[in-house]
Amino acid sequence: MIKNIGRKHIIGPACRESFVPVRAVPELQRRGVLLAGISWLYGAYEMGRPGVGFHLLLHTTGGRGWLRTPRFTAVLKPGDLLLAPAGTVHAYGLGVEPWEIVWVHLSGGTVWDGVAGEGVCVRRSLFAGELRHAMKGLIAEAQFGGRSAGSAVRCHAELMHIYLERELGLHEAAAGARRVRARLHRVFEAVNGDLKRGWTVRELAARYAASRVHFTRQCKQHLGMTPMRMIAHLRMSKAAELLRSTDYKLAAICVEVGYSDPFAFSVAFKRWSGQSPRAYRRSGDTRAATGVGC
């Protein structure tokens, strides 16, 4: 058991962070979002917090970190969500490998106080990818969208708020709904690990141990989309990541995300993102060159 956790704030020179411009987004301020961002951490990084006035949500989206509390220690792995309510004592930091995190500070004394009952805990995240996507879109639009950015910023802010609410289950019969989402998450984790496969609703329903009708109903209720739309979303999200972070040819990306026809892939990707794959890659290159959305 760890007794003494002091205040620390160590961010090494190799670390990079993109912050959501919360002060410029009234929709987020009104809803109690104080600070949020995406961090790519290398070398030295450690935060020691012996009680602060905000709630912390920290999603690990790559690499590994560590958590220490007076009661337990934990390794923070991809897919983990750290919940640290206001006033709790905890420390977290970088392990031996680079660590990517998506984090949000939420105001105490608001609807977000619903997280306080759990104390400091680590559980599987259900919406880390969606939250990251909404935050990256908001950051990019705020910096590069120009005069037309207002509506896009508001849209991304609304998505960010929705995914935070869903992650915390604040408007649901919490325990039962969280169990359903955890089961759905396990099903779609398998899909995300093998996007080349021609998944069917029958196969997914069998993994969920329910009929196709019931499984589809659960997906609509808890994920907001049908099973096949969820598969399409996962494929496009993976394609976007590959376009952004690799120099793979489009034909190779098509195969990687389960498309045999490059034209059909391009049409689907443009419908999903608003840009052709090539245009999306070019815009990603521009943002990377300016230090945004790495």
Protein backbone atom coordinates (compact mmCIF):
# COMPACT_ATOMS: atom_id res chain seq x y z
CA MET A 1 0.00 0.00 0.00
CA ILE A 2 1.34 3.47 -0.92
CA LYS A 3 0.90 6.07 1.82
CA ASN A 4 2.54 9.22 0.50
CA ILE A 5 1.62 10.69 -2.87
CA GLY A 6 2.90 14.22 -3.26
CA ARG A 7 2.09 16.88 -5.81
CA LYS A 8 4.10 16.45 -9.04
CA HIS A 9 3.94 17.94 -12.51
CA ILE A 10 6.64 16.51 -14.77
CA ILE A 11 6.30 16.84 -18.55
CA GLY A 12 9.47 15.99 -20.47
CA PRO A 13 10.63 17.93 -23.54
CA ALA A 14 9.75 15.08 -25.93
CA CYS A 15 6.07 15.03 -24.88
CA ARG A 16 3.48 16.56 -27.19
CA GLU A 17 -0.05 17.65 -26.37
CA SER A 18 -3.01 19.06 -28.30
CA PHE A 19 -5.56 20.89 -26.16
CA VAL A 20 -9.25 21.30 -26.87
CA PRO A 21 -9.90 25.09 -26.93
CA VAL A 22 -12.51 24.88 -24.17
CA ARG A 23 -12.51 28.63 -23.48
CA ALA A 24 -13.62 29.23 -27.08
CA VAL A 25 -16.43 26.66 -26.94
CA PRO A 26 -19.30 27.86 -24.68
CA GLU A 27 -21.14 24.56 -25.17
CA LEU A 28 -18.37 22.72 -23.31
CA GLN A 29 -17.95 25.36 -20.60
CA ARG A 30 -21.67 25.31 -19.80
CA ARG A 31 -21.48 21.54 -19.41
CA GLY A 32 -18.65 21.59 -16.91
CA VAL A 33 -15.70 20.68 -19.13
CA LEU A 34 -12.68 22.53 -17.71
CA LEU A 35 -9.81 21.18 -19.79
CA ALA A 36 -9.31 18.38 -22.29
CA GLY A 37 -6.68 17.14 -24.68
CA ILE A 38 -4.76 14.38 -26.39
CA SER A 39 -1.20 13.70 -25.24
CA TRP A 40 1.65 11.77 -26.88
CA LEU A 41 4.11 11.09 -24.07
CA TYR A 42 7.77 10.14 -24.38
CA GLY A 43 10.68 10.15 -21.95
CA ALA A 44 9.50 11.74 -18.71
CA TYR A 45 5.91 12.28 -17.60
CA GLU A 46 4.39 12.10 -14.12
CA MET A 47 1.40 13.70 -12.39
CA GLY A 48 0.98 13.49 -8.61
CA ARG A 49 -2.36 14.74 -7.30
CA PRO A 50 -3.02 14.59 -3.54
CA GLY A 51 -6.58 15.88 -4.03
CA VAL A 52 -7.76 18.34 -6.70
CA GLY A 53 -11.05 20.09 -7.36
CA PHE A 54 -11.95 18.39 -10.63
CA HIS A 55 -12.89 14.92 -11.86
CA LEU A 56 -10.38 13.24 -14.20
CA LEU A 57 -11.20 10.86 -17.04
CA LEU A 58 -8.07 9.45 -18.67
CA HIS A 59 -8.27 6.99 -21.57
CA THR A 60 -5.20 5.02 -22.69
CA THR A 61 -5.31 4.82 -26.48
CA GLY A 62 -1.76 3.59 -27.03
CA GLY A 63 1.25 2.31 -25.10
CA ARG A 64 1.16 1.87 -21.32
CA GLY A 65 1.24 4.00 -18.22
CA TRP A 66 0.95 3.40 -14.49
CA LEU A 67 -1.41 4.44 -11.70
CA ARG A 68 -0.74 4.65 -7.96
CA THR A 69 -3.26 5.31 -5.21
CA PRO A 70 -3.11 4.81 -1.44
CA ARG A 71 -5.05 1.54 -1.96
CA PHE A 72 -3.67 -0.03 -5.13
CA THR A 73 -1.40 0.26 -8.16
CA ALA A 74 -2.27 -0.60 -11.76
CA VAL A 75 -0.88 -0.72 -15.27
CA LEU A 76 -2.90 1.42 -17.68
CA LYS A 77 -3.26 -0.44 -20.99
CA PRO A 78 -4.91 0.46 -24.32
CA GLY A 79 -8.67 0.46 -23.81
CA ASP A 80 -8.43 1.29 -20.08
CA LEU A 81 -10.28 4.22 -18.55
CA LEU A 82 -8.97 5.82 -15.35
CA LEU A 83 -11.67 7.58 -13.33
CA ALA A 84 -10.35 9.83 -10.54
CA PRO A 85 -13.07 11.86 -8.78
CA ALA A 86 -12.37 15.30 -7.32
CA GLY A 87 -10.60 15.18 -3.96
CA THR A 88 -9.04 11.74 -4.45
CA VAL A 89 -5.34 11.02 -4.02
CA HIS A 90 -3.58 9.48 -7.00
CA ALA A 91 -0.53 9.63 -9.25
CA TYR A 92 0.00 8.43 -12.80
CA GLY A 93 2.78 8.52 -15.32
CA LEU A 94 4.75 7.07 -18.17
CA GLY A 95 6.15 3.56 -18.05
CA VAL A 96 8.96 2.20 -20.21
CA GLU A 97 7.19 2.76 -23.54
CA PRO A 98 5.51 5.77 -25.20
CA TRP A 99 1.99 6.43 -23.97
CA GLU A 100 -0.95 8.06 -25.77
CA ILE A 101 -3.80 9.35 -23.61
CA VAL A 102 -7.08 11.17 -24.16
CA TRP A 103 -8.06 13.06 -21.01
CA VAL A 104 -10.78 15.37 -19.70
CA HIS A 105 -11.09 17.46 -16.53
CA LEU A 106 -14.72 17.89 -15.41
CA SER A 107 -15.99 20.43 -12.92
CA GLY A 108 -17.05 19.31 -9.44
CA GLY A 109 -20.45 20.38 -8.16
CA THR A 110 -22.14 19.48 -11.46
CA VAL A 111 -23.89 16.52 -13.05
CA TRP A 112 -20.46 14.92 -13.40
CA ASP A 113 -20.39 14.31 -9.64
CA GLY A 114 -21.99 10.98 -10.51
CA VAL A 115 -18.45 9.60 -11.01
CA ALA A 116 -17.55 10.25 -7.37
CA GLY A 117 -19.27 7.17 -5.98
CA GLU A 118 -16.76 4.82 -7.58
CA GLY A 119 -13.63 6.38 -6.06
CA VAL A 120 -10.43 6.03 -8.10
CA CYS A 121 -10.94 3.06 -10.41
CA VAL A 122 -9.79 1.59 -13.71
CA ARG A 123 -12.24 -0.08 -16.07
CA ARG A 124 -12.55 -0.78 -19.78
CA SER A 125 -13.51 2.23 -21.85
CA LEU A 126 -16.44 1.94 -24.22
CA PHE A 127 -16.02 5.19 -26.16
CA ALA A 128 -12.32 6.11 -26.14
CA GLY A 129 -12.05 5.96 -29.94
CA GLU A 130 -15.17 8.02 -30.51
CA LEU A 131 -14.14 10.62 -27.92
CA ARG A 132 -10.66 10.89 -29.45
CA HIS A 133 -12.14 11.33 -32.92
CA ALA A 134 -14.52 14.08 -31.73
CA MET A 135 -11.72 15.89 -29.88
CA LYS A 136 -9.31 15.73 -32.84
CA GLY A 137 -12.05 17.08 -35.11
CA LEU A 138 -12.82 19.92 -32.70
CA ILE A 139 -9.16 20.88 -32.36
CA ALA A 140 -8.61 20.83 -36.12
CA GLU A 141 -11.74 22.83 -36.92
CA ALA A 142 -10.99 25.44 -34.26
CA GLN A 143 -7.50 25.99 -35.68
CA PHE A 144 -7.96 25.47 -39.43
CA GLY A 145 -11.67 25.79 -40.16
CA GLY A 146 -11.67 29.54 -40.71
CA ARG A 147 -14.94 31.44 -40.85
CA SER A 148 -16.98 28.33 -41.57
CA ALA A 149 -15.72 26.49 -38.48
CA GLY A 150 -18.46 27.52 -36.04
CA SER A 151 -21.05 24.87 -36.84
CA ALA A 152 -18.39 22.12 -37.16
CA VAL A 153 -16.90 23.07 -33.78
CA ARG A 154 -20.34 22.95 -32.16
CA CYS A 155 -21.01 19.56 -33.78
CA HIS A 156 -17.76 18.06 -32.48
CA ALA A 157 -18.37 19.61 -29.04
CA GLU A 158 -21.82 18.02 -28.93
CA LEU A 159 -20.36 14.64 -29.90
CA MET A 160 -17.70 14.99 -27.24
CA HIS A 161 -20.37 15.68 -24.61
CA ILE A 162 -22.50 12.75 -25.79
CA TYR A 163 -19.59 10.31 -25.58
CA LEU A 164 -18.66 11.55 -22.11
CA GLU A 165 -22.23 11.01 -20.92
CA ARG A 166 -22.36 7.57 -22.51
CA GLU A 167 -19.00 6.59 -21.04
CA LEU A 168 -20.16 7.52 -17.56
CA GLY A 169 -23.70 6.19 -18.01
CA LEU A 170 -25.19 9.24 -16.31
CA HIS A 171 -28.64 9.02 -17.89
CA GLU A 172 -29.21 5.29 -17.74
CA ALA A 173 -30.17 2.57 -15.31
CA ALA A 174 -26.43 2.55 -14.80
CA ALA A 175 -25.38 -0.94 -13.74
CA GLY A 176 -27.52 -2.90 -16.21
CA ALA A 177 -26.77 -0.58 -19.13
CA ARG A 178 -23.05 -0.66 -18.39
CA ARG A 179 -23.06 -4.46 -18.46
CA VAL A 180 -24.84 -4.46 -21.83
CA ARG A 181 -22.33 -1.97 -23.24
CA ALA A 182 -19.42 -4.00 -21.90
CA ARG A 183 -20.77 -7.09 -23.72
CA LEU A 184 -21.27 -5.10 -26.92
CA HIS A 185 -17.78 -3.67 -26.56
CA ARG A 186 -16.27 -7.16 -26.38
CA VAL A 187 -18.13 -8.17 -29.55
CA PHE A 188 -16.91 -5.16 -31.50
CA GLU A 189 -13.39 -5.44 -30.11
CA ALA A 190 -13.24 -8.76 -31.97
CA VAL A 191 -14.49 -7.04 -35.13
CA ASN A 192 -11.95 -4.24 -34.78
CA GLY A 193 -9.17 -6.82 -34.45
CA ASP A 194 -10.10 -8.49 -37.76
CA LEU A 195 -11.61 -5.89 -40.10
CA LYS A 196 -10.61 -7.90 -43.19
CA ARG A 197 -13.23 -10.50 -42.32
CA GLY A 198 -16.69 -10.36 -43.88
CA TRP A 199 -18.62 -10.12 -40.62
CA THR A 200 -22.35 -10.85 -40.56
CA VAL A 201 -25.03 -9.91 -38.03
CA ARG A 202 -25.61 -13.63 -37.43
CA GLU A 203 -21.97 -14.11 -36.35
CA LEU A 204 -22.01 -11.07 -34.09
CA ALA A 205 -25.31 -12.06 -32.50
CA ALA A 206 -23.88 -15.51 -31.79
CA ARG A 207 -20.88 -13.90 -30.03
CA TYR A 208 -23.32 -11.79 -28.01
CA ALA A 209 -25.41 -14.93 -27.27
CA ALA A 210 -28.69 -13.49 -28.52
CA SER A 211 -30.96 -13.55 -31.55
CA ARG A 212 -30.17 -11.24 -34.46
CA VAL A 213 -33.27 -9.16 -33.69
CA HIS A 214 -32.38 -8.70 -30.01
CA PHE A 215 -28.71 -8.01 -30.77
CA THR A 216 -29.65 -5.37 -33.36
CA ARG A 217 -32.05 -3.76 -30.90
CA GLN A 218 -29.33 -3.60 -28.24
CA CYS A 219 -26.89 -2.02 -30.69
CA LYS A 220 -29.40 0.66 -31.68
CA GLN A 221 -30.29 1.42 -28.07
CA HIS A 222 -26.80 1.48 -26.58
CA LEU A 223 -24.51 2.38 -29.49
CA GLY A 224 -26.92 4.48 -31.54
CA MET A 225 -26.46 2.48 -34.74
CA THR A 226 -27.12 -0.90 -36.32
CA PRO A 227 -24.45 -3.64 -36.20
CA MET A 228 -23.48 -3.15 -39.84
CA ARG A 229 -23.20 0.61 -39.42
CA MET A 230 -20.95 0.00 -36.42
CA ILE A 231 -18.74 -2.26 -38.52
CA ALA A 232 -18.58 0.40 -41.23
CA HIS A 233 -17.67 3.02 -38.60
CA LEU A 234 -14.83 0.84 -37.28
CA ARG A 235 -13.54 0.24 -40.81
CA MET A 236 -13.55 3.93 -41.68
CA SER A 237 -11.92 4.86 -38.35
CA LYS A 238 -9.11 2.37 -39.02
CA ALA A 239 -8.75 3.62 -42.59
CA ALA A 240 -8.51 7.22 -41.34
CA GLU A 241 -5.79 6.21 -38.88
CA LEU A 242 -3.81 4.44 -41.62
CA LEU A 243 -4.18 7.39 -43.99
CA ARG A 244 -3.02 9.75 -41.25
CA SER A 245 -0.10 7.79 -39.85
CA THR A 246 1.26 5.57 -42.64
CA ASP A 247 2.30 5.81 -46.28
CA TYR A 248 0.36 2.66 -47.25
CA LYS A 249 -1.07 2.73 -50.75
CA LEU A 250 -4.86 3.11 -50.94
CA ALA A 251 -5.20 -0.40 -52.38
CA ALA A 252 -3.45 -1.84 -49.32
CA ILE A 253 -5.64 0.17 -46.93
CA CYS A 254 -8.76 -1.10 -48.76
CA VAL A 255 -7.74 -4.69 -48.10
CA GLU A 256 -6.74 -3.94 -44.51
CA VAL A 257 -10.24 -2.67 -43.67
CA GLY A 258 -12.20 -5.29 -45.58
CA TYR A 259 -12.88 -3.73 -49.00
CA SER A 260 -12.01 -5.54 -52.23
CA ASP A 261 -13.02 -2.62 -54.49
CA PRO A 262 -11.01 0.63 -54.12
CA PHE A 263 -13.80 2.64 -55.73
CA ALA A 264 -16.39 1.36 -53.24
CA PHE A 265 -13.95 2.13 -50.42
CA SER A 266 -13.41 5.69 -51.68
CA VAL A 267 -17.15 6.32 -51.93
CA ALA A 268 -17.75 4.93 -48.43
CA PHE A 269 -14.86 6.91 -46.94
CA LYS A 270 -16.02 10.18 -48.50
CA ARG A 271 -19.55 9.58 -47.21
CA TRP A 272 -18.10 9.00 -43.72
CA SER A 273 -15.52 11.79 -43.53
CA GLY A 274 -16.65 14.35 -46.11
CA GLN A 275 -13.34 13.98 -47.98
CA SER A 276 -11.86 11.52 -50.44
CA PRO A 277 -9.09 9.31 -49.00
CA ARG A 278 -6.43 11.25 -50.91
CA ALA A 279 -7.77 14.63 -49.77
CA TYR A 280 -7.98 13.36 -46.18
CA ARG A 281 -4.36 12.18 -46.31
CA ARG A 282 -3.21 15.53 -47.73
CA SER A 283 -5.04 17.49 -45.01
CA GLY A 284 -3.55 15.17 -42.38
CA ASP A 285 -0.07 15.80 -43.73
CA THR A 286 -0.68 19.55 -43.48
CA ARG A 287 -1.86 19.28 -39.87
CA ALA A 288 1.08 17.09 -38.89
CA ALA A 289 3.47 19.65 -40.37
CA THR A 290 1.99 22.33 -38.14
CA GLY A 291 2.15 20.18 -35.02
CA VAL A 292 -1.60 19.49 -34.75
CA GLY A 293 -3.33 16.10 -34.80
CA CYS A 294 -0.11 14.09 -34.92
